[in-house]
Amino acid sequence: MAETSWHRVAASVDVREGEAIAVNVGDLQIALCRVGGTIHAFENICPHAYALLSDGFVEDNEIECPLHAARFEITTGRCLAPPADRDLVTYAVKVEEDEVFVAVPS
C-alpha cells in the first residue's frame, strides 16, 4: 500500500457549496468541492481530454466537464456520462481549525 502525506491546500471558507476550486500539490492538479457541507477532493483533469473540471458546472453531487460534458459524481469520483470512460482519482480530505488538508501519495 502506498504511503500518503497530508498537505494544506485551502482555507475551508474558500470552498463554497456548489462550486469547485483548483489547488495544486506538487505536480498534482486537484479540485475541491463542497457537497452537503462536506469537502471532497478529486483529480482536476478530465480523463477524456485535458480540461479543468474546476471550470465545469456543479449541480447537486455532480460535476460536468466544460469541454465535452462528461459527468462525474463528486463524492465518489464515479464516471456518470461519456465521453470519459473511467472514474476520477479521489483524495482523502480533513479539515482542522478551518484549514483543508488533502492526503496524496508520497
PDB file of N, CA and C in Angstrom:
ATOM      1  N   MET A   1       0.838  -1.182   0.000  1.00  0.00           N
ATOM      2  CA  MET A   1       0.000   0.000   0.000  1.00  0.00           C
ATOM      3  C   MET A   1       0.883   1.246   0.000  1.00  0.00           C
ATOM      4  N   ALA A   2       0.582   2.192  -0.884  1.00  0.00           N
ATOM      5  CA  ALA A   2       1.370   3.418  -0.994  1.00  0.00           C
ATOM      6  C   ALA A   2       1.149   4.306   0.224  1.00  0.00           C
ATOM      7  N   GLU A   3       2.209   4.936   0.652  1.00  0.00           N
ATOM      8  CA  GLU A   3       2.099   5.871   1.767  1.00  0.00           C
ATOM      9  C   GLU A   3       1.560   7.194   1.248  1.00  0.00           C
ATOM     10  N   THR A   4       0.864   7.896   2.129  1.00  0.00           N
ATOM     11  CA  THR A   4       0.333   9.204   1.785  1.00  0.00           C
ATOM     12  C   THR A   4       0.837  10.225   2.783  1.00  0.00           C
ATOM     13  N   SER A   5       0.766  11.476   2.363  1.00  0.00           N
ATOM     14  CA  SER A   5       1.101  12.578   3.267  1.00  0.00           C
ATOM     15  C   SER A   5       0.040  13.657   3.112  1.00  0.00           C
ATOM     16  N   TRP A   6      -0.209  14.368   4.210  1.00  0.00           N
ATOM     17  CA  TRP A   6      -1.230  15.407   4.235  1.00  0.00           C
ATOM     18  C   TRP A   6      -0.626  16.743   3.842  1.00  0.00           C
ATOM     19  N   HIS A   7      -1.367  17.501   3.030  1.00  0.00           N
ATOM     20  CA  HIS A   7      -0.925  18.818   2.580  1.00  0.00           C
ATOM     21  C   HIS A   7      -2.053  19.824   2.766  1.00  0.00           C
ATOM     22  N   ARG A   8      -1.713  20.977   3.345  1.00  0.00           N
ATOM     23  CA  ARG A   8      -2.696  22.050   3.468  1.00  0.00           C
ATOM     24  C   ARG A   8      -2.891  22.648   2.087  1.00  0.00           C
ATOM     25  N   VAL A   9      -4.170  22.751   1.651  1.00  0.00           N
ATOM     26  CA  VAL A   9      -4.438  23.218   0.297  1.00  0.00           C
ATOM     27  C   VAL A   9      -5.337  24.454   0.229  1.00  0.00           C
ATOM     28  N   ALA A  10      -6.088  24.730   1.300  1.00  0.00           N
ATOM     29  CA  ALA A  10      -7.017  25.861   1.250  1.00  0.00           C
ATOM     30  C   ALA A  10      -7.558  26.157   2.643  1.00  0.00           C
ATOM     31  N   ALA A  11      -8.152  27.309   2.778  1.00  0.00           N
ATOM     32  CA  ALA A  11      -8.958  27.608   3.958  1.00  0.00           C
ATOM     33  C   ALA A  11     -10.358  27.075   3.673  1.00  0.00           C
ATOM     34  N   SER A  12     -11.030  26.560   4.677  1.00  0.00           N
ATOM     35  CA  SER A  12     -12.344  25.956   4.430  1.00  0.00           C
ATOM     36  C   SER A  12     -13.360  26.959   3.893  1.00  0.00           C
ATOM     37  N   VAL A  13     -13.229  28.241   4.239  1.00  0.00           N
ATOM     38  CA  VAL A  13     -14.167  29.245   3.723  1.00  0.00           C
ATOM     39  C   VAL A  13     -14.007  29.470   2.226  1.00  0.00           C
ATOM     40  N   ASP A  14     -12.864  29.057   1.655  1.00  0.00           N
ATOM     41  CA  ASP A  14     -12.630  29.220   0.218  1.00  0.00           C
ATOM     42  C   ASP A  14     -13.371  28.178  -0.614  1.00  0.00           C
ATOM     43  N   VAL A  15     -13.862  27.127   0.031  1.00  0.00           N
ATOM     44  CA  VAL A  15     -14.559  26.052  -0.679  1.00  0.00           C
ATOM     45  C   VAL A  15     -16.051  26.197  -0.394  1.00  0.00           C
ATOM     46  N   ARG A  16     -16.748  26.826  -1.337  1.00  0.00           N
ATOM     47  CA  ARG A  16     -18.167  27.116  -1.145  1.00  0.00           C
ATOM     48  C   ARG A  16     -19.040  26.000  -1.731  1.00  0.00           C
ATOM     49  N   GLU A  17     -20.177  25.831  -1.136  1.00  0.00           N
ATOM     50  CA  GLU A  17     -21.152  24.834  -1.594  1.00  0.00           C
ATOM     51  C   GLU A  17     -21.492  25.078  -3.067  1.00  0.00           C
ATOM     52  N   GLY A  18     -21.457  24.006  -3.869  1.00  0.00           N
ATOM     53  CA  GLY A  18     -21.871  24.096  -5.253  1.00  0.00           C
ATOM     54  C   GLY A  18     -20.862  24.700  -6.208  1.00  0.00           C
ATOM     55  N   GLU A  19     -19.620  24.892  -5.752  1.00  0.00           N
ATOM     56  CA  GLU A  19     -18.564  25.412  -6.612  1.00  0.00           C
ATOM     57  C   GLU A  19     -17.334  24.535  -6.462  1.00  0.00           C
ATOM     58  N   ALA A  20     -16.525  24.476  -7.491  1.00  0.00           N
ATOM     59  CA  ALA A  20     -15.262  23.743  -7.426  1.00  0.00           C
ATOM     60  C   ALA A  20     -14.120  24.745  -7.529  1.00  0.00           C
ATOM     61  N   ILE A  21     -13.038  24.477  -6.800  1.00  0.00           N
ATOM     62  CA  ILE A  21     -11.842  25.304  -6.905  1.00  0.00           C
ATOM     63  C   ILE A  21     -10.647  24.404  -7.215  1.00  0.00           C
ATOM     64  N   ALA A  22      -9.660  24.980  -7.852  1.00  0.00           N
ATOM     65  CA  ALA A  22      -8.446  24.244  -8.221  1.00  0.00           C
ATOM     66  C   ALA A  22      -7.351  24.517  -7.194  1.00  0.00           C
ATOM     67  N   VAL A  23      -6.628  23.449  -6.822  1.00  0.00           N
ATOM     68  CA  VAL A  23      -5.450  23.560  -5.963  1.00  0.00           C
ATOM     69  C   VAL A  23      -4.382  22.629  -6.528  1.00  0.00           C
ATOM     70  N   ASN A  24      -3.147  22.898  -6.159  1.00  0.00           N
ATOM     71  CA  ASN A  24      -2.044  22.047  -6.592  1.00  0.00           C
ATOM     72  C   ASN A  24      -1.295  21.525  -5.383  1.00  0.00           C
ATOM     73  N   VAL A  25      -0.880  20.267  -5.468  1.00  0.00           N
ATOM     74  CA  VAL A  25       0.042  19.670  -4.505  1.00  0.00           C
ATOM     75  C   VAL A  25       1.182  19.124  -5.352  1.00  0.00           C
ATOM     76  N   GLY A  26       2.283  19.843  -5.369  1.00  0.00           N
ATOM     77  CA  GLY A  26       3.365  19.476  -6.274  1.00  0.00           C
ATOM     78  C   GLY A  26       2.852  19.520  -7.699  1.00  0.00           C
ATOM     79  N   ASP A  27       3.014  18.427  -8.438  1.00  0.00           N
ATOM     80  CA  ASP A  27       2.553  18.355  -9.822  1.00  0.00           C
ATOM     81  C   ASP A  27       1.092  17.928  -9.946  1.00  0.00           C
ATOM     82  N   LEU A  28       0.481  17.536  -8.850  1.00  0.00           N
ATOM     83  CA  LEU A  28      -0.912  17.087  -8.899  1.00  0.00           C
ATOM     84  C   LEU A  28      -1.860  18.274  -8.966  1.00  0.00           C
ATOM     85  N   GLN A  29      -2.781  18.214  -9.921  1.00  0.00           N
ATOM     86  CA  GLN A  29      -3.838  19.217 -10.016  1.00  0.00           C
ATOM     87  C   GLN A  29      -5.095  18.595  -9.427  1.00  0.00           C
ATOM     88  N   ILE A  30      -5.606  19.219  -8.377  1.00  0.00           N
ATOM     89  CA  ILE A  30      -6.714  18.669  -7.602  1.00  0.00           C
ATOM     90  C   ILE A  30      -7.842  19.697  -7.563  1.00  0.00           C
ATOM     91  N   ALA A  31      -9.084  19.202  -7.613  1.00  0.00           N
ATOM     92  CA  ALA A  31     -10.257  20.052  -7.445  1.00  0.00           C
ATOM     93  C   ALA A  31     -10.861  19.779  -6.083  1.00  0.00           C
ATOM     94  N   LEU A  32     -11.339  20.829  -5.446  1.00  0.00           N
ATOM     95  CA  LEU A  32     -12.069  20.720  -4.183  1.00  0.00           C
ATOM     96  C   LEU A  32     -13.488  21.186  -4.426  1.00  0.00           C
ATOM     97  N   CYS A  33     -14.444  20.492  -3.813  1.00  0.00           N
ATOM     98  CA  CYS A  33     -15.845  20.866  -3.952  1.00  0.00           C
ATOM     99  C   CYS A  33     -16.575  20.480  -2.675  1.00  0.00           C
ATOM    100  N   ARG A  34     -17.447  21.367  -2.212  1.00  0.00           N
ATOM    101  CA  ARG A  34     -18.241  21.100  -1.010  1.00  0.00           C
ATOM    102  C   ARG A  34     -19.629  20.627  -1.438  1.00  0.00           C
ATOM    103  N   VAL A  35     -20.025  19.465  -0.913  1.00  0.00           N
ATOM    104  CA  VAL A  35     -21.351  18.894  -1.187  1.00  0.00           C
ATOM    105  C   VAL A  35     -21.982  18.550   0.154  1.00  0.00           C
ATOM    106  N   GLY A  36     -23.143  19.115   0.437  1.00  0.00           N
ATOM    107  CA  GLY A  36     -23.827  18.838   1.694  1.00  0.00           C
ATOM    108  C   GLY A  36     -22.987  19.200   2.909  1.00  0.00           C
ATOM    109  N   GLY A  37     -22.153  20.220   2.768  1.00  0.00           N
ATOM    110  CA  GLY A  37     -21.320  20.675   3.873  1.00  0.00           C
ATOM    111  C   GLY A  37     -19.982  19.968   4.000  1.00  0.00           C
ATOM    112  N   THR A  38     -19.762  18.905   3.233  1.00  0.00           N
ATOM    113  CA  THR A  38     -18.520  18.137   3.301  1.00  0.00           C
ATOM    114  C   THR A  38     -17.655  18.452   2.086  1.00  0.00           C
ATOM    115  N   ILE A  39     -16.352  18.661   2.315  1.00  0.00           N
ATOM    116  CA  ILE A  39     -15.429  18.970   1.236  1.00  0.00           C
ATOM    117  C   ILE A  39     -14.855  17.674   0.669  1.00  0.00           C
ATOM    118  N   HIS A  40     -14.835  17.594  -0.655  1.00  0.00           N
ATOM    119  CA  HIS A  40     -14.313  16.428  -1.371  1.00  0.00           C
ATOM    120  C   HIS A  40     -13.190  16.879  -2.296  1.00  0.00           C
ATOM    121  N   ALA A  41     -12.234  15.969  -2.555  1.00  0.00           N
ATOM    122  CA  ALA A  41     -11.100  16.263  -3.434  1.00  0.00           C
ATOM    123  C   ALA A  41     -10.991  15.175  -4.496  1.00  0.00           C
ATOM    124  N   PHE A  42     -10.721  15.597  -5.725  1.00  0.00           N
ATOM    125  CA  PHE A  42     -10.582  14.655  -6.837  1.00  0.00           C
ATOM    126  C   PHE A  42      -9.663  15.270  -7.890  1.00  0.00           C
ATOM    127  N   GLU A  43      -9.173  14.417  -8.784  1.00  0.00           N
ATOM    128  CA  GLU A  43      -8.283  14.934  -9.827  1.00  0.00           C
ATOM    129  C   GLU A  43      -9.016  16.009 -10.618  1.00  0.00           C
ATOM    130  N   ASN A  44      -8.279  17.047 -10.977  1.00  0.00           N
ATOM    131  CA  ASN A  44      -8.895  18.196 -11.632  1.00  0.00           C
ATOM    132  C   ASN A  44      -8.863  18.095 -13.154  1.00  0.00           C
ATOM    133  N   ILE A  45      -8.145  17.147 -13.705  1.00  0.00           N
ATOM    134  CA  ILE A  45      -8.048  16.989 -15.150  1.00  0.00           C
ATOM    135  C   ILE A  45      -9.017  15.901 -15.608  1.00  0.00           C
ATOM    136  N   CYS A  46      -9.893  16.240 -16.517  1.00  0.00           N
ATOM    137  CA  CYS A  46     -10.837  15.250 -17.038  1.00  0.00           C
ATOM    138  C   CYS A  46     -10.059  14.117 -17.708  1.00  0.00           C
ATOM    139  N   PRO A  47     -10.412  12.861 -17.429  1.00  0.00           N
ATOM    140  CA  PRO A  47      -9.691  11.737 -18.031  1.00  0.00           C
ATOM    141  C   PRO A  47      -9.941  11.573 -19.537  1.00  0.00           C
ATOM    142  N   HIS A  48     -10.932  12.247 -20.072  1.00  0.00           N
ATOM    143  CA  HIS A  48     -11.207  12.133 -21.502  1.00  0.00           C
ATOM    144  C   HIS A  48     -10.288  13.020 -22.335  1.00  0.00           C
ATOM    145  N   ALA A  49     -10.177  14.272 -21.960  1.00  0.00           N
ATOM    146  CA  ALA A  49      -9.346  15.239 -22.696  1.00  0.00           C
ATOM    147  C   ALA A  49      -8.941  16.312 -21.700  1.00  0.00           C
ATOM    148  N   TYR A  50      -7.825  16.951 -21.965  1.00  0.00           N
ATOM    149  CA  TYR A  50      -7.320  17.925 -20.999  1.00  0.00           C
ATOM    150  C   TYR A  50      -8.301  19.082 -20.848  1.00  0.00           C
ATOM    151  N   ALA A  51      -9.000  19.080 -19.735  1.00  0.00           N
ATOM    152  CA  ALA A  51      -9.900  20.168 -19.357  1.00  0.00           C
ATOM    153  C   ALA A  51      -9.937  20.201 -17.842  1.00  0.00           C
ATOM    154  N   LEU A  52      -9.997  21.387 -17.281  1.00  0.00           N
ATOM    155  CA  LEU A  52     -10.050  21.522 -15.827  1.00  0.00           C
ATOM    156  C   LEU A  52     -11.488  21.360 -15.349  1.00  0.00           C
ATOM    157  N   LEU A  53     -11.709  20.335 -14.557  1.00  0.00           N
ATOM    158  CA  LEU A  53     -13.052  20.104 -14.032  1.00  0.00           C
ATOM    159  C   LEU A  53     -13.496  21.244 -13.127  1.00  0.00           C
ATOM    160  N   SER A  54     -12.539  21.918 -12.478  1.00  0.00           N
ATOM    161  CA  SER A  54     -12.894  23.049 -11.613  1.00  0.00           C
ATOM    162  C   SER A  54     -13.516  24.193 -12.415  1.00  0.00           C
ATOM    163  N   ASP A  55     -13.392  24.172 -13.734  1.00  0.00           N
ATOM    164  CA  ASP A  55     -14.049  25.152 -14.598  1.00  0.00           C
ATOM    165  C   ASP A  55     -15.419  24.660 -15.049  1.00  0.00           C
ATOM    166  N   GLY A  56     -15.785  23.466 -14.618  1.00  0.00           N
ATOM    167  CA  GLY A  56     -17.036  22.854 -15.050  1.00  0.00           C
ATOM    168  C   GLY A  56     -18.232  23.289 -14.240  1.00  0.00           C
ATOM    169  N   PHE A  57     -19.367  22.711 -14.573  1.00  0.00           N
ATOM    170  CA  PHE A  57     -20.653  23.031 -13.966  1.00  0.00           C
ATOM    171  C   PHE A  57     -20.941  22.051 -12.836  1.00  0.00           C
ATOM    172  N   VAL A  58     -21.242  22.574 -11.649  1.00  0.00           N
ATOM    173  CA  VAL A  58     -21.571  21.750 -10.480  1.00  0.00           C
ATOM    174  C   VAL A  58     -23.067  21.850 -10.217  1.00  0.00           C
ATOM    175  N   GLU A  59     -23.693  20.679 -10.073  1.00  0.00           N
ATOM    176  CA  GLU A  59     -25.099  20.634  -9.681  1.00  0.00           C
ATOM    177  C   GLU A  59     -25.298  19.435  -8.772  1.00  0.00           C
ATOM    178  N   ASP A  60     -25.834  19.705  -7.587  1.00  0.00           N
ATOM    179  CA  ASP A  60     -26.027  18.673  -6.569  1.00  0.00           C
ATOM    180  C   ASP A  60     -24.697  17.957  -6.326  1.00  0.00           C
ATOM    181  N   ASN A  61     -24.625  16.662  -6.596  1.00  0.00           N
ATOM    182  CA  ASN A  61     -23.425  15.865  -6.338  1.00  0.00           C
ATOM    183  C   ASN A  61     -22.697  15.509  -7.629  1.00  0.00           C
ATOM    184  N   GLU A  62     -22.852  16.336  -8.674  1.00  0.00           N
ATOM    185  CA  GLU A  62     -22.217  16.042  -9.954  1.00  0.00           C
ATOM    186  C   GLU A  62     -21.430  17.240 -10.458  1.00  0.00           C
ATOM    187  N   ILE A  63     -20.337  16.930 -11.174  1.00  0.00           N
ATOM    188  CA  ILE A  63     -19.587  17.968 -11.873  1.00  0.00           C
ATOM    189  C   ILE A  63     -19.494  17.559 -13.331  1.00  0.00           C
ATOM    190  N   GLU A  64     -19.681  18.546 -14.199  1.00  0.00           N
ATOM    191  CA  GLU A  64     -19.660  18.303 -15.643  1.00  0.00           C
ATOM    192  C   GLU A  64     -18.425  18.965 -16.240  1.00  0.00           C
ATOM    193  N   CYS A  65     -17.705  18.211 -17.034  1.00  0.00           N
ATOM    194  CA  CYS A  65     -16.520  18.733 -17.717  1.00  0.00           C
ATOM    195  C   CYS A  65     -16.937  19.860 -18.672  1.00  0.00           C
ATOM    196  N   PRO A  66     -16.213  20.974 -18.653  1.00  0.00           N
ATOM    197  CA  PRO A  66     -16.597  22.091 -19.512  1.00  0.00           C
ATOM    198  C   PRO A  66     -16.291  21.867 -20.996  1.00  0.00           C
ATOM    199  N   LEU A  67     -15.508  20.846 -21.318  1.00  0.00           N
ATOM    200  CA  LEU A  67     -15.095  20.640 -22.706  1.00  0.00           C
ATOM    201  C   LEU A  67     -16.062  19.759 -23.497  1.00  0.00           C
ATOM    202  N   HIS A  68     -16.357  18.554 -22.978  1.00  0.00           N
ATOM    203  CA  HIS A  68     -17.205  17.616 -23.721  1.00  0.00           C
ATOM    204  C   HIS A  68     -18.368  17.068 -22.903  1.00  0.00           C
ATOM    205  N   ALA A  69     -18.635  17.659 -21.749  1.00  0.00           N
ATOM    206  CA  ALA A  69     -19.811  17.340 -20.925  1.00  0.00           C
ATOM    207  C   ALA A  69     -19.782  15.965 -20.257  1.00  0.00           C
ATOM    208  N   ALA A  70     -18.603  15.355 -20.111  1.00  0.00           N
ATOM    209  CA  ALA A  70     -18.535  14.145 -19.272  1.00  0.00           C
ATOM    210  C   ALA A  70     -18.962  14.550 -17.860  1.00  0.00           C
ATOM    211  N   ARG A  71     -19.624  13.654 -17.147  1.00  0.00           N
ATOM    212  CA  ARG A  71     -20.096  13.968 -15.796  1.00  0.00           C
ATOM    213  C   ARG A  71     -19.545  12.957 -14.799  1.00  0.00           C
ATOM    214  N   PHE A  72     -19.320  13.457 -13.572  1.00  0.00           N
ATOM    215  CA  PHE A  72     -18.753  12.643 -12.506  1.00  0.00           C
ATOM    216  C   PHE A  72     -19.476  12.920 -11.195  1.00  0.00           C
ATOM    217  N   GLU A  73     -19.591  11.880 -10.388  1.00  0.00           N
ATOM    218  CA  GLU A  73     -20.127  12.019  -9.040  1.00  0.00           C
ATOM    219  C   GLU A  73     -19.029  12.608  -8.161  1.00  0.00           C
ATOM    220  N   ILE A  74     -19.292  13.719  -7.513  1.00  0.00           N
ATOM    221  CA  ILE A  74     -18.274  14.416  -6.731  1.00  0.00           C
ATOM    222  C   ILE A  74     -17.829  13.605  -5.523  1.00  0.00           C
ATOM    223  N   THR A  75     -18.751  12.985  -4.819  1.00  0.00           N
ATOM    224  CA  THR A  75     -18.404  12.303  -3.570  1.00  0.00           C
ATOM    225  C   THR A  75     -17.605  11.023  -3.773  1.00  0.00           C
ATOM    226  N   THR A  76     -17.724  10.399  -4.953  1.00  0.00           N
ATOM    227  CA  THR A  76     -17.027   9.131  -5.195  1.00  0.00           C
ATOM    228  C   THR A  76     -16.057   9.170  -6.367  1.00  0.00           C
ATOM    229  N   GLY A  77     -16.201  10.157  -7.250  1.00  0.00           N
ATOM    230  CA  GLY A  77     -15.398  10.209  -8.463  1.00  0.00           C
ATOM    231  C   GLY A  77     -15.939   9.341  -9.588  1.00  0.00           C
ATOM    232  N   ARG A  78     -17.052   8.656  -9.356  1.00  0.00           N
ATOM    233  CA  ARG A  78     -17.606   7.726 -10.342  1.00  0.00           C
ATOM    234  C   ARG A  78     -17.992   8.449 -11.630  1.00  0.00           C
ATOM    235  N   CYS A  79     -17.581   7.895 -12.770  1.00  0.00           N
ATOM    236  CA  CYS A  79     -17.938   8.433 -14.077  1.00  0.00           C
ATOM    237  C   CYS A  79     -19.411   8.148 -14.346  1.00  0.00           C
ATOM    238  N   LEU A  80     -20.174   9.199 -14.672  1.00  0.00           N
ATOM    239  CA  LEU A  80     -21.607   9.061 -14.886  1.00  0.00           C
ATOM    240  C   LEU A  80     -22.023   9.178 -16.346  1.00  0.00           C
ATOM    241  N   ALA A  81     -21.177   9.819 -17.167  1.00  0.00           N
ATOM    242  CA  ALA A  81     -21.562  10.022 -18.569  1.00  0.00           C
ATOM    243  C   ALA A  81     -20.320  10.145 -19.444  1.00  0.00           C
ATOM    244  N   PRO A  82     -20.386   9.566 -20.651  1.00  0.00           N
ATOM    245  CA  PRO A  82     -19.277   9.681 -21.588  1.00  0.00           C
ATOM    246  C   PRO A  82     -19.148  11.128 -22.077  1.00  0.00           C
ATOM    247  N   PRO A  83     -18.064  11.458 -22.709  1.00  0.00           N
ATOM    248  CA  PRO A  83     -17.088  10.577 -23.324  1.00  0.00           C
ATOM    249  C   PRO A  83     -16.005  10.045 -22.380  1.00  0.00           C
ATOM    250  N   ALA A  84     -15.936  10.487 -21.150  1.00  0.00           N
ATOM    251  CA  ALA A  84     -14.962   9.895 -20.224  1.00  0.00           C
ATOM    252  C   ALA A  84     -15.319   8.429 -20.018  1.00  0.00           C
ATOM    253  N   ASP A  85     -14.286   7.600 -19.793  1.00  0.00           N
ATOM    254  CA  ASP A  85     -14.536   6.172 -19.656  1.00  0.00           C
ATOM    255  C   ASP A  85     -13.927   5.572 -18.401  1.00  0.00           C
ATOM    256  N   ARG A  86     -13.556   6.434 -17.453  1.00  0.00           N
ATOM    257  CA  ARG A  86     -13.064   5.929 -16.176  1.00  0.00           C
ATOM    258  C   ARG A  86     -13.429   6.902 -15.072  1.00  0.00           C
ATOM    259  N   ASP A  87     -13.389   6.375 -13.846  1.00  0.00           N
ATOM    260  CA  ASP A  87     -13.666   7.200 -12.675  1.00  0.00           C
ATOM    261  C   ASP A  87     -12.507   8.138 -12.394  1.00  0.00           C
ATOM    262  N   LEU A  88     -12.779   9.184 -11.631  1.00  0.00           N
ATOM    263  CA  LEU A  88     -11.743  10.113 -11.195  1.00  0.00           C
ATOM    264  C   LEU A  88     -10.987   9.552 -10.004  1.00  0.00           C
ATOM    265  N   VAL A  89      -9.733   9.898  -9.903  1.00  0.00           N
ATOM    266  CA  VAL A  89      -8.966   9.606  -8.692  1.00  0.00           C
ATOM    267  C   VAL A  89      -9.477  10.562  -7.617  1.00  0.00           C
ATOM    268  N   THR A  90      -9.759  10.037  -6.441  1.00  0.00           N
ATOM    269  CA  THR A  90     -10.209  10.875  -5.328  1.00  0.00           C
ATOM    270  C   THR A  90      -9.152  10.868  -4.228  1.00  0.00           C
ATOM    271  N   TYR A  91      -9.211  11.862  -3.370  1.00  0.00           N
ATOM    272  CA  TYR A  91      -8.232  12.017  -2.299  1.00  0.00           C
ATOM    273  C   TYR A  91      -8.955  12.239  -0.978  1.00  0.00           C
ATOM    274  N   ALA A  92      -8.381  11.695   0.093  1.00  0.00           N
ATOM    275  CA  ALA A  92      -8.935  11.900   1.427  1.00  0.00           C
ATOM    276  C   ALA A  92      -8.776  13.368   1.813  1.00  0.00           C
ATOM    277  N   VAL A  93      -9.765  13.877   2.539  1.00  0.00           N
ATOM    278  CA  VAL A  93      -9.777  15.271   2.974  1.00  0.00           C
ATOM    279  C   VAL A  93     -10.024  15.305   4.473  1.00  0.00           C
ATOM    280  N   LYS A  94      -9.331  16.228   5.156  1.00  0.00           N
ATOM    281  CA  LYS A  94      -9.663  16.520   6.546  1.00  0.00           C
ATOM    282  C   LYS A  94      -9.616  18.026   6.726  1.00  0.00           C
ATOM    283  N   VAL A  95     -10.453  18.512   7.645  1.00  0.00           N
ATOM    284  CA  VAL A  95     -10.493  19.936   7.972  1.00  0.00           C
ATOM    285  C   VAL A  95     -10.121  20.069   9.439  1.00  0.00           C
ATOM    286  N   GLU A  96      -9.089  20.855   9.688  1.00  0.00           N
ATOM    287  CA  GLU A  96      -8.637  21.116  11.055  1.00  0.00           C
ATOM    288  C   GLU A  96      -8.491  22.617  11.228  1.00  0.00           C
ATOM    289  N   GLU A  97      -9.170  23.150  12.238  1.00  0.00           N
ATOM    290  CA  GLU A  97      -9.104  24.574  12.541  1.00  0.00           C
ATOM    291  C   GLU A  97      -9.310  25.426  11.291  1.00  0.00           C
ATOM    292  N   ASP A  98     -10.338  25.089  10.522  1.00  0.00           N
ATOM    293  CA  ASP A  98     -10.738  25.820   9.319  1.00  0.00           C
ATOM    294  C   ASP A  98      -9.718  25.775   8.181  1.00  0.00           C
ATOM    295  N   GLU A  99      -8.795  24.813   8.218  1.00  0.00           N
ATOM    296  CA  GLU A  99      -7.837  24.604   7.145  1.00  0.00           C
ATOM    297  C   GLU A  99      -8.135  23.257   6.488  1.00  0.00           C
ATOM    298  N   VAL A 100      -8.071  23.198   5.157  1.00  0.00           N
ATOM    299  CA  VAL A 100      -8.354  21.981   4.414  1.00  0.00           C
ATOM    300  C   VAL A 100      -7.036  21.292   4.073  1.00  0.00           C
ATOM    301  N   PHE A 101      -6.972  19.992   4.377  1.00  0.00           N
ATOM    302  CA  PHE A 101      -5.817  19.170   4.081  1.00  0.00           C
ATOM    303  C   PHE A 101      -6.234  18.025   3.175  1.00  0.00           C
ATOM    304  N   VAL A 102      -5.372  17.673   2.220  1.00  0.00           N
ATOM    305  CA  VAL A 102      -5.625  16.566   1.301  1.00  0.00           C
ATOM    306  C   VAL A 102      -4.470  15.581   1.426  1.00  0.00           C
ATOM    307  N   ALA A 103      -4.798  14.288   1.465  1.00  0.00           N
ATOM    308  CA  ALA A 103      -3.782  13.226   1.519  1.00  0.00           C
ATOM    309  C   ALA A 103      -3.462  12.802   0.098  1.00  0.00           C
ATOM    310  N   VAL A 104      -2.172  12.858  -0.251  1.00  0.00           N
ATOM    311  CA  VAL A 104      -1.728  12.441  -1.582  1.00  0.00           C
ATOM    312  C   VAL A 104      -0.605  11.438  -1.431  1.00  0.00           C
ATOM    313  N   PRO A 105      -0.395  10.598  -2.448  1.00  0.00           N
ATOM    314  CA  PRO A 105       0.698   9.618  -2.377  1.00  0.00           C
ATOM    315  C   PRO A 105       2.039  10.316  -2.191  1.00  0.00           C
ATOM    316  N   SER A 106       2.866   9.704  -1.342  1.00  0.00           N
ATOM    317  CA  SER A 106       4.195  10.268  -1.072  1.00  0.00           C
ATOM    318  C   SER A 106       5.146   9.977  -2.216  1.00  0.00           C
TER     319      SER A 106
END
